[in-house]
């Protein structure tokens, strides 16, 4: 992992391959290792930039409230330092929210967008309240409760449940708390869809226990030119559960 200082945050990232720049953004509460299965399948086509979002993995964070826009600004700063003006952005779950914020803030820098197991809707009031309660629980009791709750929701596959658990357990409580609050406050991105003049790819498992596949179908209905790839039997981690199908979908960003 390399690290670069981005406005006071040390942002860690891996870089593999050559070709069209493609940023892979992990979801909550994981890190860049989420993408390990698809990297070998994509590195001959893309210049892969795979960061740990602020607070996660080997990246540092700040002791203050931050937003999806701040996550997106971190990625813009990373691309600046790497000398990359334009890139395709693929985000998994929360990483999709970061990708959408990036597309809104820096539209001229986006060559393509992929939402993997993600959505464009903001949290309804009850979900927002639940995130703040979860953040308070983590602050008081640690991450164990979130790990227990989320492990089975990621996937029904025992191998990938074990991976998710191990990866979640490696993260700091501050990352959980900051991300939960940022997700709770994120804006609805539905209106952004009509402005997208670049390839848009939607990848979703039909057994996703965290974000139902209907969210991807709704985006497809609003943006007919988007490519929707539904992966039969996959849960919330199609890049792990179905890496070949996921990689083939992401190839549409080239």
C-alpha atoms as a PDB file:
ATOM      1  CA  UNK A   1       0.000   0.000   0.000  1.00  0.00           C
ATOM      2  CA  UNK A   2       1.131   3.495  -0.824  1.00  0.00           C
ATOM      3  CA  UNK A   3       0.044   6.524   1.208  1.00  0.00           C
ATOM      4  CA  UNK A   4      -0.439  10.131   0.172  1.00  0.00           C
ATOM      5  CA  UNK A   5      -1.327  13.121   2.322  1.00  0.00           C
ATOM      6  CA  UNK A   6      -4.683  14.506   1.190  1.00  0.00           C
ATOM      7  CA  UNK A   7      -5.653  17.631   3.151  1.00  0.00           C
ATOM      8  CA  UNK A   8      -4.366  16.246   6.426  1.00  0.00           C
ATOM      9  CA  UNK A   9      -5.512  12.655   5.882  1.00  0.00           C
ATOM     10  CA  UNK A  10      -3.076   9.910   4.975  1.00  0.00           C
ATOM     11  CA  UNK A  11      -4.944   8.044   2.270  1.00  0.00           C
ATOM     12  CA  UNK A  12      -3.709   4.518   1.608  1.00  0.00           C
ATOM     13  CA  UNK A  13      -4.250   2.916  -1.785  1.00  0.00           C
ATOM     14  CA  UNK A  14      -3.190   0.026  -3.968  1.00  0.00           C
ATOM     15  CA  UNK A  15      -2.528   0.428  -7.674  1.00  0.00           C
ATOM     16  CA  UNK A  16      -2.465  -2.319 -10.288  1.00  0.00           C
ATOM     17  CA  UNK A  17      -2.500  -2.693 -14.043  1.00  0.00           C
ATOM     18  CA  UNK A  18      -2.558  -0.317 -16.972  1.00  0.00           C
ATOM     19  CA  UNK A  19      -5.151   1.247 -19.227  1.00  0.00           C
ATOM     20  CA  UNK A  20      -8.198   3.369 -18.465  1.00  0.00           C
ATOM     21  CA  UNK A  21      -8.052   4.704 -14.894  1.00  0.00           C
ATOM     22  CA  UNK A  22     -10.669   2.963 -12.737  1.00  0.00           C
ATOM     23  CA  UNK A  23     -11.162   3.794  -9.057  1.00  0.00           C
ATOM     24  CA  UNK A  24     -12.665   0.983  -6.972  1.00  0.00           C
ATOM     25  CA  UNK A  25     -14.368   2.189  -3.776  1.00  0.00           C
ATOM     26  CA  UNK A  26     -15.191  -0.314  -1.043  1.00  0.00           C
ATOM     27  CA  UNK A  27     -18.326  -0.338   1.075  1.00  0.00           C
ATOM     28  CA  UNK A  28     -18.985  -0.071   4.810  1.00  0.00           C
ATOM     29  CA  UNK A  29     -17.380  -1.270   7.038  1.00  0.00           C
ATOM     30  CA  UNK A  30     -14.688  -2.885   4.897  1.00  0.00           C
ATOM     31  CA  UNK A  31     -11.496  -1.870   3.080  1.00  0.00           C
ATOM     32  CA  UNK A  32      -9.809  -2.217  -0.309  1.00  0.00           C
ATOM     33  CA  UNK A  33      -9.377  -5.986   0.069  1.00  0.00           C
ATOM     34  CA  UNK A  34     -13.045  -6.321  -0.899  1.00  0.00           C
ATOM     35  CA  UNK A  35     -11.896  -6.039  -4.541  1.00  0.00           C
ATOM     36  CA  UNK A  36      -9.091  -8.622  -4.399  1.00  0.00           C
ATOM     37  CA  UNK A  37     -10.955 -11.249  -6.448  1.00  0.00           C
ATOM     38  CA  UNK A  38     -11.615  -8.974  -9.428  1.00  0.00           C
ATOM     39  CA  UNK A  39      -8.231  -7.209  -9.576  1.00  0.00           C
ATOM     40  CA  UNK A  40      -6.548 -10.020 -11.588  1.00  0.00           C
ATOM     41  CA  UNK A  41      -9.480  -9.963 -14.020  1.00  0.00           C
ATOM     42  CA  UNK A  42      -9.344  -6.200 -14.596  1.00  0.00           C
ATOM     43  CA  UNK A  43      -5.673  -5.233 -14.406  1.00  0.00           C
ATOM     44  CA  UNK A  44      -4.934  -5.918 -18.083  1.00  0.00           C
ATOM     45  CA  UNK A  45      -7.664  -3.442 -19.089  1.00  0.00           C
ATOM     46  CA  UNK A  46      -7.591  -0.791 -16.369  1.00  0.00           C
ATOM     47  CA  UNK A  47      -5.180   1.280 -14.321  1.00  0.00           C
ATOM     48  CA  UNK A  48      -6.787   0.277 -11.019  1.00  0.00           C
ATOM     49  CA  UNK A  49      -6.663   2.728  -8.112  1.00  0.00           C
ATOM     50  CA  UNK A  50      -8.055   1.050  -4.997  1.00  0.00           C
ATOM     51  CA  UNK A  51      -8.087   3.268  -1.892  1.00  0.00           C
ATOM     52  CA  UNK A  52      -8.979   2.637   1.705  1.00  0.00           C
ATOM     53  CA  UNK A  53     -11.603   5.304   2.357  1.00  0.00           C
ATOM     54  CA  UNK A  54     -10.814   7.669   5.216  1.00  0.00           C
ATOM     55  CA  UNK A  55     -10.722   5.860   8.541  1.00  0.00           C
ATOM     56  CA  UNK A  56     -10.738   2.379   7.014  1.00  0.00           C
ATOM     57  CA  UNK A  57      -7.834   0.023   6.379  1.00  0.00           C
ATOM     58  CA  UNK A  58      -4.565   1.912   6.515  1.00  0.00           C
ATOM     59  CA  UNK A  59      -6.075   5.370   5.927  1.00  0.00           C
ATOM     60  CA  UNK A  60      -6.338   7.894   8.739  1.00  0.00           C
ATOM     61  CA  UNK A  61      -9.304  10.101   9.540  1.00  0.00           C
ATOM     62  CA  UNK A  62     -10.228  13.257  11.449  1.00  0.00           C
ATOM     63  CA  UNK A  63     -12.021  13.606  14.773  1.00  0.00           C
ATOM     64  CA  UNK A  64     -14.900  15.618  13.341  1.00  0.00           C
ATOM     65  CA  UNK A  65     -18.156  15.089  11.463  1.00  0.00           C
ATOM     66  CA  UNK A  66     -17.621  14.519   7.749  1.00  0.00           C
ATOM     67  CA  UNK A  67     -19.785  13.825   4.739  1.00  0.00           C
ATOM     68  CA  UNK A  68     -19.920  11.881   1.490  1.00  0.00           C
ATOM     69  CA  UNK A  69     -18.620  15.053  -0.158  1.00  0.00           C
ATOM     70  CA  UNK A  70     -15.528  14.830   2.040  1.00  0.00           C
ATOM     71  CA  UNK A  71     -14.969  11.206   1.042  1.00  0.00           C
ATOM     72  CA  UNK A  72     -15.318  12.292  -2.599  1.00  0.00           C
ATOM     73  CA  UNK A  73     -12.886  15.188  -2.120  1.00  0.00           C
ATOM     74  CA  UNK A  74     -10.349  12.696  -0.758  1.00  0.00           C
ATOM     75  CA  UNK A  75     -10.597  10.746  -4.021  1.00  0.00           C
ATOM     76  CA  UNK A  76     -10.280  13.916  -6.109  1.00  0.00           C
ATOM     77  CA  UNK A  77      -7.170  14.836  -4.134  1.00  0.00           C
ATOM     78  CA  UNK A  78      -5.732  11.368  -4.651  1.00  0.00           C
ATOM     79  CA  UNK A  79      -6.289  11.570  -8.403  1.00  0.00           C
ATOM     80  CA  UNK A  80      -4.722  15.039  -8.439  1.00  0.00           C
ATOM     81  CA  UNK A  81      -1.565  13.732  -6.800  1.00  0.00           C
ATOM     82  CA  UNK A  82      -1.444  10.789  -9.202  1.00  0.00           C
ATOM     83  CA  UNK A  83      -1.793  13.146 -12.176  1.00  0.00           C
ATOM     84  CA  UNK A  84      -5.091  11.609 -13.288  1.00  0.00           C
ATOM     85  CA  UNK A  85      -7.613  14.111 -14.605  1.00  0.00           C
ATOM     86  CA  UNK A  86     -10.410  11.708 -15.536  1.00  0.00           C
ATOM     87  CA  UNK A  87     -11.346   8.236 -14.319  1.00  0.00           C
ATOM     88  CA  UNK A  88     -14.142   5.725 -14.172  1.00  0.00           C
ATOM     89  CA  UNK A  89     -15.493   5.343 -10.639  1.00  0.00           C
ATOM     90  CA  UNK A  90     -16.978   2.112  -9.283  1.00  0.00           C
ATOM     91  CA  UNK A  91     -18.443   2.081  -5.794  1.00  0.00           C
ATOM     92  CA  UNK A  92     -19.747  -0.780  -3.685  1.00  0.00           C
ATOM     93  CA  UNK A  93     -22.617   0.011  -1.297  1.00  0.00           C
ATOM     94  CA  UNK A  94     -21.352   3.052   0.685  1.00  0.00           C
ATOM     95  CA  UNK A  95     -18.620   3.373  -1.934  1.00  0.00           C
ATOM     96  CA  UNK A  96     -21.447   3.923  -4.404  1.00  0.00           C
ATOM     97  CA  UNK A  97     -22.637   6.876  -2.327  1.00  0.00           C
ATOM     98  CA  UNK A  98     -19.101   8.267  -2.497  1.00  0.00           C
ATOM     99  CA  UNK A  99     -19.030   7.677  -6.262  1.00  0.00           C
ATOM    100  CA  UNK A 100     -22.321   9.563  -6.649  1.00  0.00           C
ATOM    101  CA  UNK A 101     -20.989  12.464  -4.581  1.00  0.00           C
ATOM    102  CA  UNK A 102     -17.862  12.489  -6.762  1.00  0.00           C
ATOM    103  CA  UNK A 103     -20.003  12.540  -9.921  1.00  0.00           C
ATOM    104  CA  UNK A 104     -22.009  15.485  -8.587  1.00  0.00           C
ATOM    105  CA  UNK A 105     -18.970  17.498  -7.453  1.00  0.00           C
ATOM    106  CA  UNK A 106     -16.566  16.651 -10.292  1.00  0.00           C
ATOM    107  CA  UNK A 107     -18.677  15.674 -13.337  1.00  0.00           C
ATOM    108  CA  UNK A 108     -15.925  16.623 -15.774  1.00  0.00           C
ATOM    109  CA  UNK A 109     -13.605  14.089 -14.132  1.00  0.00           C
ATOM    110  CA  UNK A 110     -15.890  11.049 -14.585  1.00  0.00           C
ATOM    111  CA  UNK A 111     -15.467   8.806 -17.628  1.00  0.00           C
ATOM    112  CA  UNK A 112     -17.902   6.181 -16.348  1.00  0.00           C
ATOM    113  CA  UNK A 113     -19.761   5.183 -13.190  1.00  0.00           C
ATOM    114  CA  UNK A 114     -20.605   1.802 -11.666  1.00  0.00           C
ATOM    115  CA  UNK A 115     -22.857   1.215  -8.681  1.00  0.00           C
ATOM    116  CA  UNK A 116     -22.289  -2.242  -7.201  1.00  0.00           C
ATOM    117  CA  UNK A 117     -24.867  -3.323  -4.618  1.00  0.00           C
ATOM    118  CA  UNK A 118     -25.714   0.327  -4.052  1.00  0.00           C
ATOM    119  CA  UNK A 119     -28.549   2.823  -4.549  1.00  0.00           C
ATOM    120  CA  UNK A 120     -29.279   6.496  -5.260  1.00  0.00           C
ATOM    121  CA  UNK A 121     -31.876   7.056  -2.543  1.00  0.00           C
ATOM    122  CA  UNK A 122     -31.196   8.862   0.728  1.00  0.00           C
ATOM    123  CA  UNK A 123     -32.042   7.224   4.046  1.00  0.00           C
ATOM    124  CA  UNK A 124     -35.674   7.445   5.136  1.00  0.00           C
ATOM    125  CA  UNK A 125     -36.107   8.922   8.647  1.00  0.00           C
ATOM    126  CA  UNK A 126     -36.188   5.573  10.454  1.00  0.00           C
ATOM    127  CA  UNK A 127     -33.034   4.341   8.719  1.00  0.00           C
ATOM    128  CA  UNK A 128     -31.275   7.629   9.446  1.00  0.00           C
ATOM    129  CA  UNK A 129     -32.217   7.337  13.123  1.00  0.00           C
ATOM    130  CA  UNK A 130     -30.978   3.750  13.138  1.00  0.00           C
ATOM    131  CA  UNK A 131     -27.559   4.770  11.822  1.00  0.00           C
ATOM    132  CA  UNK A 132     -27.133   7.334  14.592  1.00  0.00           C
ATOM    133  CA  UNK A 133     -28.170   4.733  17.171  1.00  0.00           C
ATOM    134  CA  UNK A 134     -25.664   2.276  15.690  1.00  0.00           C
ATOM    135  CA  UNK A 135     -22.933   4.944  15.855  1.00  0.00           C
ATOM    136  CA  UNK A 136     -23.761   5.579  19.515  1.00  0.00           C
ATOM    137  CA  UNK A 137     -23.660   1.836  20.228  1.00  0.00           C
ATOM    138  CA  UNK A 138     -20.232   1.535  18.595  1.00  0.00           C
ATOM    139  CA  UNK A 139     -18.955   4.464  20.631  1.00  0.00           C
ATOM    140  CA  UNK A 140     -20.200   2.834  23.834  1.00  0.00           C
ATOM    141  CA  UNK A 141     -19.698  -0.889  23.230  1.00  0.00           C
ATOM    142  CA  UNK A 142     -17.348  -1.261  20.254  1.00  0.00           C
ATOM    143  CA  UNK A 143     -17.867  -2.799  16.835  1.00  0.00           C
ATOM    144  CA  UNK A 144     -18.869  -6.327  17.892  1.00  0.00           C
ATOM    145  CA  UNK A 145     -22.608  -5.769  17.565  1.00  0.00           C
ATOM    146  CA  UNK A 146     -22.335  -4.402  14.033  1.00  0.00           C
ATOM    147  CA  UNK A 147     -20.046  -7.257  12.986  1.00  0.00           C
ATOM    148  CA  UNK A 148     -22.495  -9.842  14.323  1.00  0.00           C
ATOM    149  CA  UNK A 149     -25.489  -8.210  12.688  1.00  0.00           C
ATOM    150  CA  UNK A 150     -23.916  -7.604   9.288  1.00  0.00           C
ATOM    151  CA  UNK A 151     -21.954 -10.810   8.691  1.00  0.00           C
ATOM    152  CA  UNK A 152     -24.943 -12.909   7.657  1.00  0.00           C
ATOM    153  CA  UNK A 153     -26.488 -10.022   5.708  1.00  0.00           C
ATOM    154  CA  UNK A 154     -23.478  -9.676   3.419  1.00  0.00           C
ATOM    155  CA  UNK A 155     -23.779 -13.176   1.991  1.00  0.00           C
ATOM    156  CA  UNK A 156     -25.005 -16.691   2.707  1.00  0.00           C
ATOM    157  CA  UNK A 157     -21.684 -18.140   1.525  1.00  0.00           C
ATOM    158  CA  UNK A 158     -19.642 -19.345   4.563  1.00  0.00           C
ATOM    159  CA  UNK A 159     -16.308 -18.527   2.911  1.00  0.00           C
ATOM    160  CA  UNK A 160     -17.267 -14.943   2.214  1.00  0.00           C
ATOM    161  CA  UNK A 161     -19.004 -14.558   5.563  1.00  0.00           C
ATOM    162  CA  UNK A 162     -15.664 -15.427   7.164  1.00  0.00           C
ATOM    163  CA  UNK A 163     -13.903 -12.897   4.937  1.00  0.00           C
ATOM    164  CA  UNK A 164     -16.426 -10.171   5.768  1.00  0.00           C
ATOM    165  CA  UNK A 165     -16.169 -10.831   9.492  1.00  0.00           C
ATOM    166  CA  UNK A 166     -12.374 -10.739   9.463  1.00  0.00           C
ATOM    167  CA  UNK A 167     -12.322  -7.566   7.367  1.00  0.00           C
ATOM    168  CA  UNK A 168     -14.898  -5.808   9.546  1.00  0.00           C
ATOM    169  CA  UNK A 169     -13.037  -6.779  12.714  1.00  0.00           C
ATOM    170  CA  UNK A 170      -9.879  -5.141  11.332  1.00  0.00           C
ATOM    171  CA  UNK A 171     -11.508  -1.690  11.162  1.00  0.00           C
ATOM    172  CA  UNK A 172     -11.386   1.036  13.804  1.00  0.00           C
ATOM    173  CA  UNK A 173     -14.515   2.146  15.717  1.00  0.00           C
ATOM    174  CA  UNK A 174     -13.885   5.731  14.575  1.00  0.00           C
ATOM    175  CA  UNK A 175     -14.316   4.600  10.953  1.00  0.00           C
ATOM    176  CA  UNK A 176     -17.659   2.979  11.758  1.00  0.00           C
ATOM    177  CA  UNK A 177     -18.922   6.054  13.593  1.00  0.00           C
ATOM    178  CA  UNK A 178     -17.815   8.557  10.955  1.00  0.00           C
ATOM    179  CA  UNK A 179     -19.191   6.516   8.068  1.00  0.00           C
ATOM    180  CA  UNK A 180     -22.528   5.832   9.761  1.00  0.00           C
ATOM    181  CA  UNK A 181     -23.122   9.539  10.341  1.00  0.00           C
ATOM    182  CA  UNK A 182     -21.994  10.427   6.812  1.00  0.00           C
ATOM    183  CA  UNK A 183     -24.367   7.837   5.312  1.00  0.00           C
ATOM    184  CA  UNK A 184     -27.229   9.102   7.476  1.00  0.00           C
ATOM    185  CA  UNK A 185     -26.769  12.633   6.144  1.00  0.00           C
ATOM    186  CA  UNK A 186     -26.222  11.807   2.475  1.00  0.00           C
ATOM    187  CA  UNK A 187     -28.402  13.501  -0.119  1.00  0.00           C
ATOM    188  CA  UNK A 188     -30.753  11.762  -2.524  1.00  0.00           C
ATOM    189  CA  UNK A 189     -28.951  11.401  -5.849  1.00  0.00           C
ATOM    190  CA  UNK A 190     -31.931  10.552  -8.063  1.00  0.00           C
ATOM    191  CA  UNK A 191     -31.878  13.885  -9.882  1.00  0.00           C
ATOM    192  CA  UNK A 192     -28.205  13.367 -10.713  1.00  0.00           C
ATOM    193  CA  UNK A 193     -28.990  10.458 -13.032  1.00  0.00           C
ATOM    194  CA  UNK A 194     -30.325  12.650 -15.835  1.00  0.00           C
ATOM    195  CA  UNK A 195     -27.001  14.530 -16.001  1.00  0.00           C
ATOM    196  CA  UNK A 196     -24.880  11.425 -16.596  1.00  0.00           C
ATOM    197  CA  UNK A 197     -23.525  11.503 -20.150  1.00  0.00           C
ATOM    198  CA  UNK A 198     -21.076   8.626 -19.693  1.00  0.00           C
ATOM    199  CA  UNK A 199     -21.437   4.835 -19.341  1.00  0.00           C
ATOM    200  CA  UNK A 200     -23.326   3.789 -16.208  1.00  0.00           C
ATOM    201  CA  UNK A 201     -23.180   0.189 -14.990  1.00  0.00           C
ATOM    202  CA  UNK A 202     -25.365  -1.315 -12.263  1.00  0.00           C
ATOM    203  CA  UNK A 203     -24.251  -4.608 -10.700  1.00  0.00           C
ATOM    204  CA  UNK A 204     -26.507  -6.253  -8.137  1.00  0.00           C
ATOM    205  CA  UNK A 205     -27.069  -9.699  -6.689  1.00  0.00           C
ATOM    206  CA  UNK A 206     -30.663 -10.868  -6.549  1.00  0.00           C
ATOM    207  CA  UNK A 207     -30.065 -12.263  -3.027  1.00  0.00           C
ATOM    208  CA  UNK A 208     -28.723  -9.011  -1.564  1.00  0.00           C
ATOM    209  CA  UNK A 209     -29.830  -8.870   2.076  1.00  0.00           C
ATOM    210  CA  UNK A 210     -28.779  -5.256   2.679  1.00  0.00           C
ATOM    211  CA  UNK A 211     -29.853  -3.284  -0.407  1.00  0.00           C
ATOM    212  CA  UNK A 212     -32.581  -5.024  -2.400  1.00  0.00           C
ATOM    213  CA  UNK A 213     -32.080  -5.470  -6.127  1.00  0.00           C
ATOM    214  CA  UNK A 214     -35.194  -3.345  -6.688  1.00  0.00           C
ATOM    215  CA  UNK A 215     -33.049  -0.271  -6.003  1.00  0.00           C
ATOM    216  CA  UNK A 216     -30.915  -1.085  -9.062  1.00  0.00           C
ATOM    217  CA  UNK A 217     -33.972  -1.786 -11.179  1.00  0.00           C
ATOM    218  CA  UNK A 218     -35.404   1.600 -10.218  1.00  0.00           C
ATOM    219  CA  UNK A 219     -32.216   3.312 -11.405  1.00  0.00           C
ATOM    220  CA  UNK A 220     -32.383   1.370 -14.678  1.00  0.00           C
ATOM    221  CA  UNK A 221     -35.986   2.532 -15.156  1.00  0.00           C
ATOM    222  CA  UNK A 222     -34.930   6.158 -14.662  1.00  0.00           C
ATOM    223  CA  UNK A 223     -31.797   5.774 -16.805  1.00  0.00           C
ATOM    224  CA  UNK A 224     -32.665   3.297 -19.580  1.00  0.00           C
ATOM    225  CA  UNK A 225     -29.241   3.549 -21.207  1.00  0.00           C
ATOM    226  CA  UNK A 226     -27.558   2.203 -18.060  1.00  0.00           C
ATOM    227  CA  UNK A 227     -26.295  -1.381 -18.154  1.00  0.00           C
ATOM    228  CA  UNK A 228     -27.953  -3.474 -15.434  1.00  0.00           C
ATOM    229  CA  UNK A 229     -26.265  -6.776 -14.610  1.00  0.00           C
ATOM    230  CA  UNK A 230     -28.296  -8.917 -12.215  1.00  0.00           C
ATOM    231  CA  UNK A 231     -26.288 -11.751 -10.694  1.00  0.00           C
ATOM    232  CA  UNK A 232     -28.357 -14.758  -9.727  1.00  0.00           C
ATOM    233  CA  UNK A 233     -27.735 -16.059  -6.215  1.00  0.00           C
ATOM    234  CA  UNK A 234     -25.258 -13.342  -5.251  1.00  0.00           C
ATOM    235  CA  UNK A 235     -25.664 -11.375  -2.050  1.00  0.00           C
ATOM    236  CA  UNK A 236     -24.174  -8.010  -1.117  1.00  0.00           C
ATOM    237  CA  UNK A 237     -20.630  -8.860  -2.290  1.00  0.00           C
ATOM    238  CA  UNK A 238     -20.862  -9.885  -5.953  1.00  0.00           C
ATOM    239  CA  UNK A 239     -17.191  -9.029  -6.524  1.00  0.00           C
ATOM    240  CA  UNK A 240     -16.373 -11.893  -4.143  1.00  0.00           C
ATOM    241  CA  UNK A 241     -19.274 -14.243  -4.853  1.00  0.00           C
ATOM    242  CA  UNK A 242     -19.271 -13.842  -8.646  1.00  0.00           C
ATOM    243  CA  UNK A 243     -15.977 -12.172  -9.625  1.00  0.00           C
ATOM    244  CA  UNK A 244     -16.084 -13.130 -13.302  1.00  0.00           C
ATOM    245  CA  UNK A 245     -19.564 -11.711 -13.858  1.00  0.00           C
ATOM    246  CA  UNK A 246     -18.710  -8.594 -11.855  1.00  0.00           C
ATOM    247  CA  UNK A 247     -15.495  -8.022 -13.779  1.00  0.00           C
ATOM    248  CA  UNK A 248     -17.266  -8.475 -17.115  1.00  0.00           C
ATOM    249  CA  UNK A 249     -19.815  -5.866 -16.060  1.00  0.00           C
ATOM    250  CA  UNK A 250     -17.108  -3.406 -15.051  1.00  0.00           C
ATOM    251  CA  UNK A 251     -15.423  -3.902 -18.451  1.00  0.00           C
ATOM    252  CA  UNK A 252     -18.294  -1.847 -19.878  1.00  0.00           C
ATOM    253  CA  UNK A 253     -16.602   1.214 -18.312  1.00  0.00           C
ATOM    254  CA  UNK A 254     -13.629   0.892 -20.669  1.00  0.00           C
END
